[in-house]
Amino acid sequence: MNKVMPTAPLSDVHLKQKELLERVSEQPVVLMSRSQPAAVLVSVEEWNQMATAIEVMLELVQKDRPWFTLPVHTLDDIKADITAQSETSVNA
């Protein structure tokens, strides 16, 4: 879902709450911190729709492939994988 979304500075969360909430009711907003994307703010309605869609898709996949499960990764697992990949590319 790499679609262009409107952005807002992270300070808007504190300084322009009402305006930001109005924007989020229309579409997600990328919150920027030091010109870098920091988070995506979505309405509760959209969040619930996305969560429901994911649940439905998983149920459909699992009906067709009962052995299918999503892997669960911790932040430490991801960091270890990144470190291992970077060490492999340096040694290559």
N, C-alpha and C. Protein backbone atom coordinates (compact mmCIF):
# COMPACT_ATOMS: atom_id res chain seq x y z
N MET A 1 0.82 -1.19 0.00
CA MET A 1 0.00 0.00 0.00
C MET A 1 0.87 1.25 0.00
N ASN A 2 1.74 1.37 -0.96
CA ASN A 2 2.61 2.52 -1.07
C ASN A 2 1.93 3.67 -1.77
N LYS A 3 0.91 4.22 -1.13
CA LYS A 3 0.25 5.37 -1.74
C LYS A 3 0.70 6.63 -1.01
N VAL A 4 0.72 7.72 -1.74
CA VAL A 4 1.16 8.98 -1.16
C VAL A 4 0.09 9.48 -0.20
N MET A 5 0.51 9.79 1.00
CA MET A 5 -0.42 10.29 2.02
C MET A 5 0.00 11.69 2.44
N PRO A 6 -0.95 12.48 2.87
CA PRO A 6 -0.59 13.80 3.36
C PRO A 6 0.27 13.68 4.62
N THR A 7 1.08 14.68 4.84
CA THR A 7 1.97 14.68 6.00
C THR A 7 1.64 15.85 6.92
N ALA A 8 2.11 15.72 8.15
CA ALA A 8 1.97 16.80 9.13
C ALA A 8 3.14 16.67 10.09
N PRO A 9 3.64 17.80 10.58
CA PRO A 9 4.71 17.71 11.57
C PRO A 9 4.18 17.10 12.87
N LEU A 10 5.04 16.40 13.55
CA LEU A 10 4.67 15.75 14.80
C LEU A 10 4.13 16.77 15.81
N SER A 11 4.60 17.99 15.73
CA SER A 11 4.14 19.04 16.66
C SER A 11 2.65 19.32 16.51
N ASP A 12 2.06 19.00 15.34
CA ASP A 12 0.63 19.22 15.14
C ASP A 12 -0.22 18.39 16.09
N VAL A 13 0.31 17.28 16.55
CA VAL A 13 -0.43 16.44 17.49
C VAL A 13 -0.76 17.26 18.74
N HIS A 14 0.16 18.08 19.14
CA HIS A 14 -0.05 18.92 20.33
C HIS A 14 -0.66 20.28 19.98
N LEU A 15 -0.17 20.88 18.91
CA LEU A 15 -0.55 22.26 18.61
C LEU A 15 -1.85 22.40 17.81
N LYS A 16 -2.17 21.43 16.98
CA LYS A 16 -3.34 21.54 16.09
C LYS A 16 -4.17 20.26 16.13
N GLN A 17 -4.53 19.82 17.32
CA GLN A 17 -5.23 18.56 17.48
C GLN A 17 -6.53 18.50 16.69
N LYS A 18 -7.36 19.52 16.80
CA LYS A 18 -8.67 19.51 16.15
C LYS A 18 -8.52 19.41 14.63
N GLU A 19 -7.65 20.21 14.06
CA GLU A 19 -7.42 20.20 12.61
C GLU A 19 -6.88 18.83 12.16
N LEU A 20 -5.95 18.29 12.93
CA LEU A 20 -5.35 17.01 12.58
C LEU A 20 -6.39 15.89 12.64
N LEU A 21 -7.25 15.91 13.65
CA LEU A 21 -8.29 14.90 13.76
C LEU A 21 -9.29 15.00 12.60
N GLU A 22 -9.57 16.20 12.15
CA GLU A 22 -10.45 16.37 10.99
C GLU A 22 -9.81 15.78 9.74
N ARG A 23 -8.50 16.02 9.57
CA ARG A 23 -7.79 15.47 8.41
C ARG A 23 -7.77 13.95 8.44
N VAL A 24 -7.55 13.40 9.63
CA VAL A 24 -7.46 11.94 9.79
C VAL A 24 -8.81 11.28 9.52
N SER A 25 -9.89 11.99 9.76
CA SER A 25 -11.21 11.42 9.49
C SER A 25 -11.42 11.22 7.99
N GLU A 26 -10.66 11.94 7.15
CA GLU A 26 -10.76 11.82 5.70
C GLU A 26 -9.80 10.78 5.13
N GLN A 27 -8.58 10.76 5.67
CA GLN A 27 -7.56 9.81 5.20
C GLN A 27 -6.40 9.80 6.19
N PRO A 28 -5.57 8.74 6.15
CA PRO A 28 -4.42 8.68 7.05
C PRO A 28 -3.46 9.84 6.82
N VAL A 29 -2.74 10.20 7.87
CA VAL A 29 -1.76 11.29 7.81
C VAL A 29 -0.43 10.75 8.34
N VAL A 30 0.64 10.99 7.60
CA VAL A 30 1.97 10.59 8.04
C VAL A 30 2.52 11.71 8.93
N LEU A 31 2.87 11.36 10.16
CA LEU A 31 3.46 12.32 11.07
C LEU A 31 4.97 12.33 10.84
N MET A 32 5.52 13.53 10.66
CA MET A 32 6.93 13.68 10.34
C MET A 32 7.70 14.23 11.54
N SER A 33 8.87 13.67 11.76
CA SER A 33 9.76 14.14 12.80
C SER A 33 11.12 14.40 12.15
N ARG A 34 11.54 15.65 12.17
CA ARG A 34 12.80 16.05 11.55
C ARG A 34 12.86 15.62 10.08
N SER A 35 11.76 15.88 9.39
CA SER A 35 11.62 15.60 7.95
C SER A 35 11.63 14.12 7.61
N GLN A 36 11.48 13.26 8.59
CA GLN A 36 11.43 11.82 8.36
C GLN A 36 10.09 11.28 8.83
N PRO A 37 9.50 10.32 8.11
CA PRO A 37 8.24 9.73 8.57
C PRO A 37 8.44 9.04 9.91
N ALA A 38 7.56 9.34 10.86
CA ALA A 38 7.69 8.77 12.20
C ALA A 38 6.52 7.85 12.55
N ALA A 39 5.34 8.16 12.04
CA ALA A 39 4.16 7.36 12.37
C ALA A 39 3.06 7.69 11.38
N VAL A 40 2.06 6.81 11.34
CA VAL A 40 0.88 7.07 10.52
C VAL A 40 -0.31 7.13 11.45
N LEU A 41 -1.04 8.20 11.34
CA LEU A 41 -2.22 8.41 12.17
C LEU A 41 -3.45 8.08 11.33
N VAL A 42 -4.26 7.14 11.82
CA VAL A 42 -5.49 6.75 11.12
C VAL A 42 -6.65 6.87 12.08
N SER A 43 -7.82 7.02 11.52
CA SER A 43 -9.03 7.08 12.35
C SER A 43 -9.29 5.70 12.95
N VAL A 44 -10.03 5.68 14.03
CA VAL A 44 -10.39 4.41 14.67
C VAL A 44 -11.20 3.56 13.70
N GLU A 45 -12.08 4.19 12.96
CA GLU A 45 -12.91 3.46 11.99
C GLU A 45 -12.04 2.76 10.95
N GLU A 46 -11.06 3.49 10.40
CA GLU A 46 -10.19 2.89 9.39
C GLU A 46 -9.33 1.78 10.00
N TRP A 47 -8.84 2.01 11.21
CA TRP A 47 -8.03 0.99 11.90
C TRP A 47 -8.85 -0.30 12.07
N ASN A 48 -10.08 -0.16 12.52
CA ASN A 48 -10.93 -1.33 12.72
C ASN A 48 -11.21 -2.04 11.39
N GLN A 49 -11.41 -1.28 10.33
CA GLN A 49 -11.63 -1.89 9.01
C GLN A 49 -10.40 -2.66 8.55
N MET A 50 -9.22 -2.09 8.77
CA MET A 50 -7.98 -2.78 8.37
C MET A 50 -7.79 -4.05 9.20
N ALA A 51 -8.03 -3.96 10.50
CA ALA A 51 -7.87 -5.13 11.37
C ALA A 51 -8.84 -6.23 10.97
N THR A 52 -10.07 -5.86 10.66
CA THR A 52 -11.06 -6.85 10.23
C THR A 52 -10.65 -7.48 8.91
N ALA A 53 -10.19 -6.67 7.98
CA ALA A 53 -9.76 -7.19 6.67
C ALA A 53 -8.61 -8.18 6.83
N ILE A 54 -7.67 -7.88 7.70
CA ILE A 54 -6.55 -8.79 7.94
C ILE A 54 -7.05 -10.10 8.53
N GLU A 55 -7.95 -10.02 9.50
CA GLU A 55 -8.51 -11.24 10.11
C GLU A 55 -9.22 -12.10 9.07
N VAL A 56 -10.01 -11.46 8.21
CA VAL A 56 -10.74 -12.20 7.17
C VAL A 56 -9.76 -12.87 6.21
N MET A 57 -8.74 -12.11 5.78
CA MET A 57 -7.76 -12.68 4.85
C MET A 57 -7.03 -13.86 5.48
N LEU A 58 -6.65 -13.73 6.75
CA LEU A 58 -5.97 -14.84 7.43
C LEU A 58 -6.88 -16.07 7.53
N GLU A 59 -8.14 -15.85 7.83
CA GLU A 59 -9.08 -16.97 7.91
C GLU A 59 -9.20 -17.67 6.56
N LEU A 60 -9.27 -16.88 5.48
CA LEU A 60 -9.38 -17.47 4.14
C LEU A 60 -8.12 -18.26 3.78
N VAL A 61 -6.97 -17.71 4.10
CA VAL A 61 -5.72 -18.41 3.81
C VAL A 61 -5.64 -19.69 4.64
N GLN A 62 -6.01 -19.61 5.91
CA GLN A 62 -5.91 -20.78 6.78
C GLN A 62 -6.91 -21.87 6.40
N LYS A 63 -8.04 -21.51 5.82
CA LYS A 63 -8.99 -22.52 5.34
C LYS A 63 -8.38 -23.30 4.19
N ASP A 64 -7.69 -22.57 3.31
CA ASP A 64 -7.07 -23.19 2.15
C ASP A 64 -5.76 -23.90 2.52
N ARG A 65 -5.06 -23.33 3.49
CA ARG A 65 -3.77 -23.88 3.93
C ARG A 65 -3.76 -23.93 5.46
N PRO A 66 -4.32 -24.97 6.06
CA PRO A 66 -4.45 -25.02 7.52
C PRO A 66 -3.11 -24.97 8.26
N TRP A 67 -2.05 -25.29 7.57
CA TRP A 67 -0.73 -25.26 8.19
C TRP A 67 -0.14 -23.86 8.25
N PHE A 68 -0.78 -22.90 7.56
CA PHE A 68 -0.23 -21.55 7.45
C PHE A 68 -0.41 -20.77 8.75
N THR A 69 0.65 -20.18 9.25
CA THR A 69 0.58 -19.24 10.36
C THR A 69 1.56 -18.10 10.06
N LEU A 70 1.28 -16.97 10.59
CA LEU A 70 2.20 -15.85 10.43
C LEU A 70 3.33 -15.99 11.44
N PRO A 71 4.56 -15.75 11.01
CA PRO A 71 5.66 -15.82 11.96
C PRO A 71 5.58 -14.67 12.95
N VAL A 72 5.99 -14.93 14.17
CA VAL A 72 6.02 -13.89 15.20
C VAL A 72 7.48 -13.55 15.44
N HIS A 73 7.81 -12.28 15.23
CA HIS A 73 9.19 -11.83 15.40
C HIS A 73 9.25 -10.77 16.48
N THR A 74 10.25 -10.88 17.34
CA THR A 74 10.48 -9.83 18.32
C THR A 74 11.43 -8.81 17.71
N LEU A 75 11.53 -7.66 18.33
CA LEU A 75 12.46 -6.64 17.85
C LEU A 75 13.89 -7.17 17.90
N ASP A 76 14.22 -7.95 18.92
CA ASP A 76 15.56 -8.53 19.01
C ASP A 76 15.84 -9.48 17.85
N ASP A 77 14.82 -10.27 17.44
CA ASP A 77 14.99 -11.17 16.29
C ASP A 77 15.31 -10.37 15.03
N ILE A 78 14.58 -9.29 14.84
CA ILE A 78 14.76 -8.47 13.64
C ILE A 78 16.14 -7.82 13.64
N LYS A 79 16.56 -7.29 14.80
CA LYS A 79 17.89 -6.68 14.90
C LYS A 79 18.99 -7.71 14.62
N ALA A 80 18.82 -8.92 15.13
CA ALA A 80 19.81 -9.98 14.90
C ALA A 80 19.88 -10.33 13.41
N ASP A 81 18.73 -10.40 12.75
CA ASP A 81 18.71 -10.70 11.31
C ASP A 81 19.41 -9.60 10.52
N ILE A 82 19.17 -8.36 10.87
CA ILE A 82 19.79 -7.23 10.18
C ILE A 82 21.30 -7.27 10.37
N THR A 83 21.73 -7.54 11.61
CA THR A 83 23.16 -7.62 11.90
C THR A 83 23.80 -8.75 11.10
N ALA A 84 23.16 -9.91 11.08
CA ALA A 84 23.70 -11.05 10.34
C ALA A 84 23.77 -10.74 8.85
N GLN A 85 22.76 -10.08 8.30
CA GLN A 85 22.75 -9.74 6.87
C GLN A 85 23.85 -8.75 6.55
N SER A 86 24.05 -7.75 7.42
CA SER A 86 25.07 -6.74 7.14
C SER A 86 26.47 -7.36 7.25
N GLU A 87 26.66 -8.30 8.20
CA GLU A 87 27.96 -8.97 8.32
C GLU A 87 28.21 -9.85 7.09
N THR A 88 27.18 -10.50 6.58
CA THR A 88 27.32 -11.34 5.39
C THR A 88 27.70 -10.49 4.18
N SER A 89 27.06 -9.33 4.03
CA SER A 89 27.35 -8.48 2.86
C SER A 89 28.73 -7.86 2.97
N VAL A 90 29.24 -7.59 4.17
CA VAL A 90 30.57 -7.03 4.35
C VAL A 90 31.62 -8.09 4.02
N ASN A 91 31.38 -9.34 4.41
CA ASN A 91 32.32 -10.43 4.18
C ASN A 91 32.30 -10.95 2.74
N ALA A 92 31.28 -10.57 1.98
CA ALA A 92 31.17 -11.10 0.61
C ALA A 92 32.07 -10.37 -0.35
